[in-house]
PDB file of N, CA and C in Angstrom:
ATOM      1  N   MET A   1       0.939  -0.999   0.112  1.00  0.00           N
ATOM      2  CA  MET A   1      -0.121   0.083  -0.234  1.00  0.00           C
ATOM      3  C   MET A   1       1.187   1.256  -0.156  1.00  0.00           C
ATOM      4  N   SER A   2       0.830   2.154  -0.926  1.00  0.00           N
ATOM      5  CA  SER A   2       1.429   3.566  -1.066  1.00  0.00           C
ATOM      6  C   SER A   2       1.127   4.265   0.088  1.00  0.00           C
ATOM      7  N   ALA A   3       1.862   5.358   0.128  1.00  0.00           N
ATOM      8  CA  ALA A   3       1.367   6.325   1.092  1.00  0.00           C
ATOM      9  C   ALA A   3      -0.082   7.392   0.867  1.00  0.00           C
ATOM     10  N   ARG A   4       0.357   7.951  -0.484  1.00  0.00           N
ATOM     11  CA  ARG A   4      -1.025   8.241  -0.670  1.00  0.00           C
ATOM     12  C   ARG A   4      -2.505   7.106  -0.807  1.00  0.00           C
ATOM     13  N   ASP A   5      -2.161   5.930  -0.896  1.00  0.00           N
ATOM     14  CA  ASP A   5      -3.484   4.526  -0.696  1.00  0.00           C
ATOM     15  C   ASP A   5      -3.811   4.933   0.713  1.00  0.00           C
ATOM     16  N   PHE A   6      -2.947   4.582   1.744  1.00  0.00           N
ATOM     17  CA  PHE A   6      -3.163   4.686   3.267  1.00  0.00           C
ATOM     18  C   PHE A   6      -3.846   6.063   3.500  1.00  0.00           C
ATOM     19  N   CYS A   7      -3.037   7.421   2.940  1.00  0.00           N
ATOM     20  CA  CYS A   7      -4.007   8.468   3.541  1.00  0.00           C
ATOM     21  C   CYS A   7      -5.277   8.262   2.877  1.00  0.00           C
ATOM     22  N   CYS A   8      -5.069   8.476   1.526  1.00  0.00           N
ATOM     23  CA  CYS A   8      -6.807   8.431   1.227  1.00  0.00           C
ATOM     24  C   CYS A   8      -7.508   7.145   2.031  1.00  0.00           C
ATOM     25  N   TYR A   9      -7.298   5.943   2.433  1.00  0.00           N
ATOM     26  CA  TYR A   9      -7.879   5.450   3.173  1.00  0.00           C
ATOM     27  C   TYR A   9      -8.199   6.119   4.561  1.00  0.00           C
ATOM     28  N   TYR A  10      -7.341   6.298   5.417  1.00  0.00           N
ATOM     29  CA  TYR A  10      -7.019   7.071   6.256  1.00  0.00           C
ATOM     30  C   TYR A  10      -8.220   7.836   6.451  1.00  0.00           C
ATOM     31  N   ASP A  11      -8.407   9.102   5.411  1.00  0.00           N
ATOM     32  CA  ASP A  11      -9.155  10.103   5.497  1.00  0.00           C
ATOM     33  C   ASP A  11     -10.711   9.468   5.355  1.00  0.00           C
ATOM     34  N   ASP A  12     -11.013   8.689   4.880  1.00  0.00           N
ATOM     35  CA  ASP A  12     -12.440   8.046   4.301  1.00  0.00           C
ATOM     36  C   ASP A  12     -12.379   7.287   6.369  1.00  0.00           C
ATOM     37  N   PHE A  13     -11.674   6.601   6.531  1.00  0.00           N
ATOM     38  CA  PHE A  13     -11.871   5.587   7.766  1.00  0.00           C
ATOM     39  C   PHE A  13     -12.290   7.126   8.521  1.00  0.00           C
ATOM     40  N   ARG A  14     -11.714   8.218   8.879  1.00  0.00           N
ATOM     41  CA  ARG A  14     -11.707   9.073   9.649  1.00  0.00           C
ATOM     42  C   ARG A  14     -13.147   9.886   9.390  1.00  0.00           C
ATOM     43  N   HIS A  15     -13.275   9.995   8.117  1.00  0.00           N
ATOM     44  CA  HIS A  15     -14.588  10.703   8.083  1.00  0.00           C
ATOM     45  C   HIS A  15     -15.709   9.746   8.253  1.00  0.00           C
ATOM     46  N   ARG A  16     -15.781   8.552   8.242  1.00  0.00           N
ATOM     47  CA  ARG A  16     -16.474   7.702   8.400  1.00  0.00           C
ATOM     48  C   ARG A  16     -17.021   7.429  10.193  1.00  0.00           C
ATOM     49  N   GLU A  17     -15.531   7.478  10.712  1.00  0.00           N
ATOM     50  CA  GLU A  17     -15.413   7.379  12.074  1.00  0.00           C
ATOM     51  C   GLU A  17     -16.525   8.962  12.801  1.00  0.00           C
ATOM     52  N   VAL A  18     -16.551   9.856  12.014  1.00  0.00           N
ATOM     53  CA  VAL A  18     -16.730  10.763  12.969  1.00  0.00           C
ATOM     54  C   VAL A  18     -17.984  11.234  12.115  1.00  0.00           C
ATOM     55  N   ARG A  19     -18.430  10.458  11.205  1.00  0.00           N
ATOM     56  CA  ARG A  19     -20.011  10.259  11.095  1.00  0.00           C
ATOM     57  C   ARG A  19     -20.866   9.476  11.918  1.00  0.00           C
ATOM     58  N   ARG A  20     -20.021   8.615  11.987  1.00  0.00           N
ATOM     59  CA  ARG A  20     -20.770   7.759  12.956  1.00  0.00           C
ATOM     60  C   ARG A  20     -20.899   8.319  14.826  1.00  0.00           C
ATOM     61  N   SER A  21     -19.711   9.036  14.783  1.00  0.00           N
ATOM     62  CA  SER A  21     -19.671   9.785  16.002  1.00  0.00           C
ATOM     63  C   SER A  21     -20.756  10.217  16.632  1.00  0.00           C
ATOM     64  N   LEU A  22     -20.958  11.158  15.635  1.00  0.00           N
ATOM     65  CA  LEU A  22     -22.089  12.356  15.324  1.00  0.00           C
ATOM     66  C   LEU A  22     -23.075  11.352  15.536  1.00  0.00           C
ATOM     67  N   TRP A  23     -23.481  10.579  14.683  1.00  0.00           N
ATOM     68  CA  TRP A  23     -25.157   9.899  14.524  1.00  0.00           C
ATOM     69  C   TRP A  23     -25.162   9.329  15.611  1.00  0.00           C
ATOM     70  N   ARG A  24     -24.410   8.640  16.615  1.00  0.00           N
ATOM     71  CA  ARG A  24     -24.474   7.925  17.965  1.00  0.00           C
ATOM     72  C   ARG A  24     -25.076   9.038  18.845  1.00  0.00           C
ATOM     73  N   HIS A  25     -23.907  10.109  18.665  1.00  0.00           N
ATOM     74  CA  HIS A  25     -24.423  11.557  19.704  1.00  0.00           C
ATOM     75  C   HIS A  25     -25.395  11.978  19.163  1.00  0.00           C
ATOM     76  N   LEU A  26     -26.154  12.057  18.402  1.00  0.00           N
ATOM     77  CA  LEU A  26     -27.603  12.310  17.641  1.00  0.00           C
ATOM     78  C   LEU A  26     -28.488  12.271  17.934  1.00  0.00           C
ATOM     79  N   ASN A  27     -28.150  10.713  17.841  1.00  0.00           N
ATOM     80  CA  ASN A  27     -29.143   9.484  18.068  1.00  0.00           C
ATOM     81  C   ASN A  27     -29.501   9.449  19.925  1.00  0.00           C
ATOM     82  N   ALA A  28     -28.430   9.593  20.416  1.00  0.00           N
ATOM     83  CA  ALA A  28     -28.858   9.696  21.955  1.00  0.00           C
ATOM     84  C   ALA A  28     -29.585  11.029  22.454  1.00  0.00           C
ATOM     85  N   VAL A  29     -29.401  12.025  21.335  1.00  0.00           N
ATOM     86  CA  VAL A  29     -30.016  13.256  21.898  1.00  0.00           C
ATOM     87  C   VAL A  29     -31.419  13.427  21.668  1.00  0.00           C
ATOM     88  N   SER A  30     -31.316  13.118  20.596  1.00  0.00           N
ATOM     89  CA  SER A  30     -32.576  12.606  20.008  1.00  0.00           C
ATOM     90  C   SER A  30     -34.039  11.976  21.058  1.00  0.00           C
ATOM     91  N   ASP A  31     -33.458  10.688  21.196  1.00  0.00           N
ATOM     92  CA  ASP A  31     -33.928   9.542  22.197  1.00  0.00           C
ATOM     93  C   ASP A  31     -34.342  10.405  23.358  1.00  0.00           C
ATOM     94  N   TYR A  32     -33.282  10.994  24.056  1.00  0.00           N
ATOM     95  CA  TYR A  32     -33.513  11.538  25.168  1.00  0.00           C
ATOM     96  C   TYR A  32     -34.914  12.704  25.373  1.00  0.00           C
ATOM     97  N   LEU A  33     -34.434  13.814  24.315  1.00  0.00           N
ATOM     98  CA  LEU A  33     -35.878  14.283  23.903  1.00  0.00           C
ATOM     99  C   LEU A  33     -36.796  13.956  23.919  1.00  0.00           C
ATOM    100  N   GLY A  34     -37.036  12.646  22.805  1.00  0.00           N
ATOM    101  CA  GLY A  34     -38.274  12.420  22.980  1.00  0.00           C
ATOM    102  C   GLY A  34     -38.775  11.021  23.796  1.00  0.00           C
ATOM    103  N   GLU A  35     -37.943  10.633  24.689  1.00  0.00           N
ATOM    104  CA  GLU A  35     -38.334  10.236  26.048  1.00  0.00           C
ATOM    105  C   GLU A  35     -39.247  11.823  26.987  1.00  0.00           C
ATOM    106  N   LEU A  36     -38.460  12.692  26.801  1.00  0.00           N
ATOM    107  CA  LEU A  36     -38.515  14.026  27.630  1.00  0.00           C
ATOM    108  C   LEU A  36     -40.028  14.450  27.363  1.00  0.00           C
ATOM    109  N   SER A  37     -40.132  14.205  25.970  1.00  0.00           N
ATOM    110  CA  SER A  37     -41.738  15.029  25.067  1.00  0.00           C
ATOM    111  C   SER A  37     -42.750  13.933  25.914  1.00  0.00           C
ATOM    112  N   TRP A  38     -42.176  12.682  25.674  1.00  0.00           N
ATOM    113  CA  TRP A  38     -43.634  11.645  26.272  1.00  0.00           C
ATOM    114  C   TRP A  38     -43.906  11.873  27.844  1.00  0.00           C
ATOM    115  N   GLU A  39     -42.768  12.021  28.504  1.00  0.00           N
ATOM    116  CA  GLU A  39     -42.883  12.453  29.962  1.00  0.00           C
ATOM    117  C   GLU A  39     -43.775  13.703  29.747  1.00  0.00           C
ATOM    118  N   ARG A  40     -44.003  14.481  29.132  1.00  0.00           N
ATOM    119  CA  ARG A  40     -44.759  15.649  29.337  1.00  0.00           C
ATOM    120  C   ARG A  40     -45.985  15.463  28.546  1.00  0.00           C
ATOM    121  N   LYS A  41     -45.994  14.595  27.863  1.00  0.00           N
ATOM    122  CA  LYS A  41     -47.468  14.405  27.478  1.00  0.00           C
ATOM    123  C   LYS A  41     -48.125  13.757  28.483  1.00  0.00           C
ATOM    124  N   GLU A  42     -47.930  12.489  29.133  1.00  0.00           N
ATOM    125  CA  GLU A  42     -48.197  11.879  29.733  1.00  0.00           C
ATOM    126  C   GLU A  42     -48.733  12.859  31.230  1.00  0.00           C
ATOM    127  N   MET A  43     -47.802  13.706  31.664  1.00  0.00           N
ATOM    128  CA  MET A  43     -48.224  14.889  32.669  1.00  0.00           C
ATOM    129  C   MET A  43     -49.337  15.629  32.259  1.00  0.00           C
ATOM    130  N   MET A  44     -48.985  16.129  31.335  1.00  0.00           N
ATOM    131  CA  MET A  44     -50.510  16.933  30.538  1.00  0.00           C
ATOM    132  C   MET A  44     -51.669  16.095  30.635  1.00  0.00           C
ATOM    133  N   GLY A  45     -51.891  14.651  30.219  1.00  0.00           N
ATOM    134  CA  GLY A  45     -53.012  13.531  30.219  1.00  0.00           C
ATOM    135  C   GLY A  45     -53.503  13.912  31.547  1.00  0.00           C
ATOM    136  N   GLN A  46     -52.841  13.729  32.565  1.00  0.00           N
ATOM    137  CA  GLN A  46     -53.097  14.140  33.768  1.00  0.00           C
ATOM    138  C   GLN A  46     -53.738  15.299  34.395  1.00  0.00           C
ATOM    139  N   LEU A  47     -53.378  16.141  34.021  1.00  0.00           N
ATOM    140  CA  LEU A  47     -54.218  17.639  34.156  1.00  0.00           C
ATOM    141  C   LEU A  47     -54.988  17.934  33.915  1.00  0.00           C
ATOM    142  N   ARG A  48     -55.997  17.854  34.899  1.00  0.00           N
ATOM    143  CA  ARG A  48     -57.255  18.211  33.913  1.00  0.00           C
ATOM    144  C   ARG A  48     -58.111  18.995  34.799  1.00  0.00           C
ATOM    145  N   SER A  49     -57.777  19.069  35.592  1.00  0.00           N
ATOM    146  CA  SER A  49     -59.135  20.078  37.283  1.00  0.00           C
ATOM    147  C   SER A  49     -58.333  21.845  36.317  1.00  0.00           C
ATOM    148  N   THR A  50     -58.964  22.813  36.306  1.00  0.00           N
ATOM    149  CA  THR A  50     -58.900  24.130  36.036  1.00  0.00           C
ATOM    150  C   THR A  50     -58.037  24.800  36.952  1.00  0.00           C
ATOM    151  N   ARG A  51     -57.720  24.474  38.308  1.00  0.00           N
ATOM    152  CA  ARG A  51     -56.668  24.529  39.036  1.00  0.00           C
ATOM    153  C   ARG A  51     -55.436  24.549  38.104  1.00  0.00           C
ATOM    154  N   GLN A  52     -55.228  23.212  37.664  1.00  0.00           N
ATOM    155  CA  GLN A  52     -54.310  22.576  37.007  1.00  0.00           C
ATOM    156  C   GLN A  52     -53.597  23.451  35.612  1.00  0.00           C
ATOM    157  N   ARG A  53     -54.401  24.604  35.288  1.00  0.00           N
ATOM    158  CA  ARG A  53     -54.288  25.238  33.906  1.00  0.00           C
ATOM    159  C   ARG A  53     -53.146  25.377  33.528  1.00  0.00           C
ATOM    160  N   ARG A  54     -52.740  26.016  34.673  1.00  0.00           N
ATOM    161  CA  ARG A  54     -51.552  26.695  34.300  1.00  0.00           C
ATOM    162  C   ARG A  54     -50.475  26.080  34.091  1.00  0.00           C
ATOM    163  N   GLU A  55     -50.420  24.808  35.290  1.00  0.00           N
ATOM    164  CA  GLU A  55     -49.063  23.785  35.219  1.00  0.00           C
ATOM    165  C   GLU A  55     -49.277  23.393  33.524  1.00  0.00           C
ATOM    166  N   ARG A  56     -50.592  23.007  33.468  1.00  0.00           N
ATOM    167  CA  ARG A  56     -50.621  22.388  31.966  1.00  0.00           C
ATOM    168  C   ARG A  56     -50.091  23.325  30.563  1.00  0.00           C
ATOM    169  N   GLU A  57     -50.181  24.499  30.748  1.00  0.00           N
ATOM    170  CA  GLU A  57     -49.606  25.484  29.785  1.00  0.00           C
ATOM    171  C   GLU A  57     -48.543  25.433  29.961  1.00  0.00           C
ATOM    172  N   MET A  58     -47.792  25.358  31.178  1.00  0.00           N
ATOM    173  CA  MET A  58     -46.224  25.499  31.047  1.00  0.00           C
ATOM    174  C   MET A  58     -46.021  24.332  30.850  1.00  0.00           C
ATOM    175  N   LEU A  59     -46.102  23.186  30.754  1.00  0.00           N
ATOM    176  CA  LEU A  59     -45.690  22.020  29.921  1.00  0.00           C
ATOM    177  C   LEU A  59     -46.056  22.111  28.306  1.00  0.00           C
ATOM    178  N   ARG A  60     -47.225  22.477  28.064  1.00  0.00           N
ATOM    179  CA  ARG A  60     -47.766  22.595  26.354  1.00  0.00           C
ATOM    180  C   ARG A  60     -46.210  23.294  26.052  1.00  0.00           C
ATOM    181  N   ILE A  61     -45.568  24.360  26.427  1.00  0.00           N
ATOM    182  CA  ILE A  61     -45.006  25.293  26.442  1.00  0.00           C
ATOM    183  C   ILE A  61     -43.709  24.438  25.893  1.00  0.00           C
ATOM    184  N   GLU A  62     -43.427  24.066  26.916  1.00  0.00           N
ATOM    185  CA  GLU A  62     -41.927  23.187  27.786  1.00  0.00           C
ATOM    186  C   GLU A  62     -42.419  21.887  25.962  1.00  0.00           C
ATOM    187  N   LEU A  63     -43.107  21.165  26.073  1.00  0.00           N
ATOM    188  CA  LEU A  63     -43.418  20.039  25.243  1.00  0.00           C
ATOM    189  C   LEU A  63     -42.858  20.931  23.650  1.00  0.00           C
ATOM    190  N   GLU A  64     -43.615  22.141  23.638  1.00  0.00           N
ATOM    191  CA  GLU A  64     -43.146  22.758  22.186  1.00  0.00           C
ATOM    192  C   GLU A  64     -41.826  23.079  22.234  1.00  0.00           C
ATOM    193  N   MET A  65     -40.776  23.713  23.180  1.00  0.00           N
ATOM    194  CA  MET A  65     -39.923  23.866  23.021  1.00  0.00           C
ATOM    195  C   MET A  65     -39.153  22.492  22.690  1.00  0.00           C
ATOM    196  N   ILE A  66     -39.412  21.394  23.148  1.00  0.00           N
ATOM    197  CA  ILE A  66     -38.658  20.174  23.006  1.00  0.00           C
ATOM    198  C   ILE A  66     -38.984  19.730  21.506  1.00  0.00           C
ATOM    199  N   ARG A  67     -40.257  19.591  21.021  1.00  0.00           N
ATOM    200  CA  ARG A  67     -40.197  19.588  19.881  1.00  0.00           C
ATOM    201  C   ARG A  67     -39.006  20.754  18.617  1.00  0.00           C
ATOM    202  N   GLU A  68     -39.061  21.582  19.100  1.00  0.00           N
ATOM    203  CA  GLU A  68     -37.924  22.787  17.941  1.00  0.00           C
ATOM    204  C   GLU A  68     -36.608  22.217  18.310  1.00  0.00           C
ATOM    205  N   LYS A  69     -36.632  21.839  19.344  1.00  0.00           N
ATOM    206  CA  LYS A  69     -34.948  21.240  19.856  1.00  0.00           C
ATOM    207  C   LYS A  69     -34.727  19.873  18.883  1.00  0.00           C
ATOM    208  N   ILE A  70     -35.752  19.330  18.802  1.00  0.00           N
ATOM    209  CA  ILE A  70     -35.665  17.857  17.918  1.00  0.00           C
ATOM    210  C   ILE A  70     -35.779  18.455  16.319  1.00  0.00           C
ATOM    211  N   LYS A  71     -36.274  19.327  16.206  1.00  0.00           N
ATOM    212  CA  LYS A  71     -35.961  19.793  14.753  1.00  0.00           C
ATOM    213  C   LYS A  71     -34.609  20.474  14.520  1.00  0.00           C
ATOM    214  N   GLU A  72     -34.433  21.021  15.411  1.00  0.00           N
ATOM    215  CA  GLU A  72     -32.953  22.349  15.083  1.00  0.00           C
ATOM    216  C   GLU A  72     -31.932  21.019  15.083  1.00  0.00           C
ATOM    217  N   TRP A  73     -31.658  19.588  16.117  1.00  0.00           N
ATOM    218  CA  TRP A  73     -30.843  18.099  15.734  1.00  0.00           C
ATOM    219  C   TRP A  73     -31.193  18.029  14.439  1.00  0.00           C
ATOM    220  N   VAL A  74     -32.542  17.196  13.941  1.00  0.00           N
ATOM    221  CA  VAL A  74     -32.204  16.824  12.873  1.00  0.00           C
ATOM    222  C   VAL A  74     -31.644  17.843  11.776  1.00  0.00           C
ATOM    223  N   HIS A  75     -31.938  18.875  11.685  1.00  0.00           N
ATOM    224  CA  HIS A  75     -31.735  19.882  10.616  1.00  0.00           C
ATOM    225  C   HIS A  75     -29.908  20.290  10.759  1.00  0.00           C
ATOM    226  N   HIS A  76     -29.606  19.887  11.957  1.00  0.00           N
ATOM    227  CA  HIS A  76     -28.049  20.132  11.996  1.00  0.00           C
ATOM    228  C   HIS A  76     -27.479  18.972  11.682  1.00  0.00           C
ATOM    229  N   TRP A  77     -27.954  17.472  11.923  1.00  0.00           N
ATOM    230  CA  TRP A  77     -27.529  16.723  11.426  1.00  0.00           C
ATOM    231  C   TRP A  77     -27.683  16.593  10.186  1.00  0.00           C
ATOM    232  N   GLN A  78     -28.540  16.923   9.382  1.00  0.00           N
ATOM    233  CA  GLN A  78     -28.481  16.849   7.746  1.00  0.00           C
ATOM    234  C   GLN A  78     -27.371  17.682   7.420  1.00  0.00           C
ATOM    235  N   PHE A  79     -27.457  18.737   7.648  1.00  0.00           N
ATOM    236  CA  PHE A  79     -26.110  19.461   7.252  1.00  0.00           C
ATOM    237  C   PHE A  79     -25.175  18.954   7.353  1.00  0.00           C
ATOM    238  N   VAL A  80     -24.524  18.540   9.006  1.00  0.00           N
ATOM    239  CA  VAL A  80     -23.089  17.842   8.633  1.00  0.00           C
ATOM    240  C   VAL A  80     -23.252  16.441   8.196  1.00  0.00           C
ATOM    241  N   ASN A  81     -24.040  15.823   7.674  1.00  0.00           N
ATOM    242  CA  ASN A  81     -24.305  14.512   6.942  1.00  0.00           C
ATOM    243  C   ASN A  81     -23.896  15.340   5.594  1.00  0.00           C
ATOM    244  N   ASN A  82     -24.965  16.051   5.016  1.00  0.00           N
ATOM    245  CA  ASN A  82     -24.052  16.690   3.757  1.00  0.00           C
ATOM    246  C   ASN A  82     -22.837  17.325   3.527  1.00  0.00           C
ATOM    247  N   PHE A  83     -22.406  17.688   4.311  1.00  0.00           N
ATOM    248  CA  PHE A  83     -21.082  18.561   4.610  1.00  0.00           C
ATOM    249  C   PHE A  83     -19.880  17.554   4.377  1.00  0.00           C
ATOM    250  N   LEU A  84     -20.248  16.383   5.002  1.00  0.00           N
ATOM    251  CA  LEU A  84     -19.060  15.577   5.430  1.00  0.00           C
ATOM    252  C   LEU A  84     -19.467  14.494   3.991  1.00  0.00           C
ATOM    253  N   THR A  85     -20.458  14.353   3.373  1.00  0.00           N
ATOM    254  CA  THR A  85     -20.692  13.392   1.842  1.00  0.00           C
ATOM    255  C   THR A  85     -19.568  14.729   0.610  1.00  0.00           C
ATOM    256  N   LEU A  86     -19.301  15.714   1.104  1.00  0.00           N
ATOM    257  CA  LEU A  86     -18.219  16.439  -0.388  1.00  0.00           C
ATOM    258  C   LEU A  86     -16.795  15.685   0.005  1.00  0.00           C
ATOM    259  N   PHE A  87     -16.833  15.102   0.953  1.00  0.00           N
ATOM    260  CA  PHE A  87     -15.278  15.069   1.250  1.00  0.00           C
ATOM    261  C   PHE A  87     -15.125  13.514   0.729  1.00  0.00           C
TER     262      PHE A  87
END
């Protein structure tokens, strides 16, 4: 194997490892946000009385923020993945 072949192989390996690492990290964040979202939905379902409306509204806002974070992570992952495929 020539030095050039080795460098090309190493660069390809490094990019694959970076993508795998990013994918694992983003999956972990997505799973965490999904679980948090599920917990908030369950909590909202339990809040039915009128005095709990304020707490329910706060949970709804928090749930919306979690959804936005998930969208940001998906967009970020797509950008990074597209960028890495250029090399």
